Protein backbone atom coordinates (compact mmCIF):
# COMPACT_ATOMS: atom_id res chain seq x y z
CA UNK A 1 0.00 0.00 0.00
CA UNK A 2 1.32 3.40 -0.95
CA UNK A 3 0.86 6.71 0.79
CA UNK A 4 -1.39 9.38 -0.64
CA UNK A 5 -1.55 13.06 0.33
CA UNK A 6 -4.96 14.36 1.33
CA UNK A 7 -5.27 17.53 -0.77
CA UNK A 8 -7.77 18.98 1.69
CA UNK A 9 -5.22 18.77 4.50
CA UNK A 10 -2.01 19.61 2.60
CA UNK A 11 -0.73 23.13 3.35
CA UNK A 12 1.91 22.91 0.58
CA UNK A 13 4.80 23.50 3.00
CA UNK A 14 7.06 21.15 0.99
CA UNK A 15 8.48 19.33 4.02
CA UNK A 16 7.65 15.93 2.55
CA UNK A 17 9.27 16.26 -0.86
CA UNK A 18 12.96 16.14 0.19
CA UNK A 19 12.25 13.23 2.55
CA UNK A 20 11.24 10.90 -0.28
CA UNK A 21 14.26 8.88 -1.38
CA UNK A 22 12.31 7.57 -4.38
CA UNK A 23 11.39 11.01 -5.76
CA UNK A 24 7.71 10.06 -5.62
CA UNK A 25 6.48 13.41 -4.25
CA UNK A 26 5.93 16.49 -6.39
CA UNK A 27 4.00 19.73 -6.27
CA UNK A 28 0.97 19.92 -8.54
CA UNK A 29 -1.64 22.64 -8.56
CA UNK A 30 -0.76 24.16 -5.20
CA UNK A 31 -0.58 20.90 -3.26
CA UNK A 32 1.73 17.89 -3.13
CA UNK A 33 1.00 14.48 -4.60
CA UNK A 34 2.62 11.05 -4.33
CA UNK A 35 3.21 8.84 -7.36
CA UNK A 36 1.92 5.49 -6.07
CA UNK A 37 4.06 3.61 -8.60
CA UNK A 38 7.22 5.06 -7.05
CA UNK A 39 6.17 5.07 -3.38
CA UNK A 40 7.99 2.42 -1.32
CA UNK A 41 5.69 2.83 1.71
CA UNK A 42 8.48 4.04 4.01
CA UNK A 43 6.41 6.68 5.80
CA UNK A 44 9.09 9.36 5.87
CA UNK A 45 6.66 11.85 4.35
CA UNK A 46 4.08 11.19 7.06
CA UNK A 47 6.75 11.50 9.78
CA UNK A 48 7.67 15.07 8.77
CA UNK A 49 4.25 16.44 7.74
CA UNK A 50 3.09 19.05 10.28
CA UNK A 51 -0.60 18.45 9.47
CA UNK A 52 -0.69 14.70 8.84
CA UNK A 53 -1.72 14.97 5.18
CA UNK A 54 0.07 11.80 3.91
CA UNK A 55 -2.10 8.77 4.62
CA UNK A 56 -1.48 5.08 3.97
CA UNK A 57 -3.95 3.89 1.33
C-alpha atoms as a PDB file:
ATOM      1  CA  UNK A   1       0.000   0.000   0.000  1.00  0.00           C
ATOM      2  CA  UNK A   2       1.315   3.399  -0.951  1.00  0.00           C
ATOM      3  CA  UNK A   3       0.860   6.705   0.788  1.00  0.00           C
ATOM      4  CA  UNK A   4      -1.394   9.381  -0.641  1.00  0.00           C
ATOM      5  CA  UNK A   5      -1.545  13.056   0.330  1.00  0.00           C
ATOM      6  CA  UNK A   6      -4.962  14.357   1.330  1.00  0.00           C
ATOM      7  CA  UNK A   7      -5.273  17.527  -0.770  1.00  0.00           C
ATOM      8  CA  UNK A   8      -7.775  18.978   1.694  1.00  0.00           C
ATOM      9  CA  UNK A   9      -5.220  18.770   4.501  1.00  0.00           C
ATOM     10  CA  UNK A  10      -2.012  19.612   2.604  1.00  0.00           C
ATOM     11  CA  UNK A  11      -0.726  23.129   3.348  1.00  0.00           C
ATOM     12  CA  UNK A  12       1.910  22.909   0.584  1.00  0.00           C
ATOM     13  CA  UNK A  13       4.796  23.497   2.996  1.00  0.00           C
ATOM     14  CA  UNK A  14       7.056  21.145   0.988  1.00  0.00           C
ATOM     15  CA  UNK A  15       8.481  19.332   4.023  1.00  0.00           C
ATOM     16  CA  UNK A  16       7.652  15.931   2.550  1.00  0.00           C
ATOM     17  CA  UNK A  17       9.267  16.258  -0.856  1.00  0.00           C
ATOM     18  CA  UNK A  18      12.956  16.142   0.186  1.00  0.00           C
ATOM     19  CA  UNK A  19      12.246  13.234   2.550  1.00  0.00           C
ATOM     20  CA  UNK A  20      11.236  10.905  -0.283  1.00  0.00           C
ATOM     21  CA  UNK A  21      14.260   8.881  -1.382  1.00  0.00           C
ATOM     22  CA  UNK A  22      12.307   7.572  -4.378  1.00  0.00           C
ATOM     23  CA  UNK A  23      11.389  11.007  -5.764  1.00  0.00           C
ATOM     24  CA  UNK A  24       7.707  10.060  -5.618  1.00  0.00           C
ATOM     25  CA  UNK A  25       6.481  13.405  -4.253  1.00  0.00           C
ATOM     26  CA  UNK A  26       5.934  16.488  -6.386  1.00  0.00           C
ATOM     27  CA  UNK A  27       3.997  19.735  -6.266  1.00  0.00           C
ATOM     28  CA  UNK A  28       0.970  19.922  -8.542  1.00  0.00           C
ATOM     29  CA  UNK A  29      -1.641  22.636  -8.559  1.00  0.00           C
ATOM     30  CA  UNK A  30      -0.764  24.157  -5.200  1.00  0.00           C
ATOM     31  CA  UNK A  31      -0.576  20.896  -3.265  1.00  0.00           C
ATOM     32  CA  UNK A  32       1.735  17.893  -3.131  1.00  0.00           C
ATOM     33  CA  UNK A  33       1.001  14.476  -4.602  1.00  0.00           C
ATOM     34  CA  UNK A  34       2.618  11.049  -4.325  1.00  0.00           C
ATOM     35  CA  UNK A  35       3.206   8.843  -7.357  1.00  0.00           C
ATOM     36  CA  UNK A  36       1.923   5.491  -6.074  1.00  0.00           C
ATOM     37  CA  UNK A  37       4.056   3.607  -8.603  1.00  0.00           C
ATOM     38  CA  UNK A  38       7.224   5.065  -7.045  1.00  0.00           C
ATOM     39  CA  UNK A  39       6.166   5.070  -3.378  1.00  0.00           C
ATOM     40  CA  UNK A  40       7.986   2.421  -1.319  1.00  0.00           C
ATOM     41  CA  UNK A  41       5.688   2.831   1.707  1.00  0.00           C
ATOM     42  CA  UNK A  42       8.484   4.037   4.007  1.00  0.00           C
ATOM     43  CA  UNK A  43       6.406   6.677   5.802  1.00  0.00           C
ATOM     44  CA  UNK A  44       9.088   9.357   5.869  1.00  0.00           C
ATOM     45  CA  UNK A  45       6.661  11.853   4.353  1.00  0.00           C
ATOM     46  CA  UNK A  46       4.084  11.187   7.063  1.00  0.00           C
ATOM     47  CA  UNK A  47       6.746  11.503   9.775  1.00  0.00           C
ATOM     48  CA  UNK A  48       7.666  15.071   8.774  1.00  0.00           C
ATOM     49  CA  UNK A  49       4.253  16.443   7.743  1.00  0.00           C
ATOM     50  CA  UNK A  50       3.087  19.049  10.276  1.00  0.00           C
ATOM     51  CA  UNK A  51      -0.600  18.454   9.472  1.00  0.00           C
ATOM     52  CA  UNK A  52      -0.687  14.695   8.835  1.00  0.00           C
ATOM     53  CA  UNK A  53      -1.722  14.974   5.185  1.00  0.00           C
ATOM     54  CA  UNK A  54       0.070  11.802   3.911  1.00  0.00           C
ATOM     55  CA  UNK A  55      -2.103   8.768   4.624  1.00  0.00           C
ATOM     56  CA  UNK A  56      -1.476   5.078   3.967  1.00  0.00           C
ATOM     57  CA  UNK A  57      -3.954   3.895   1.327  1.00  0.00           C
END
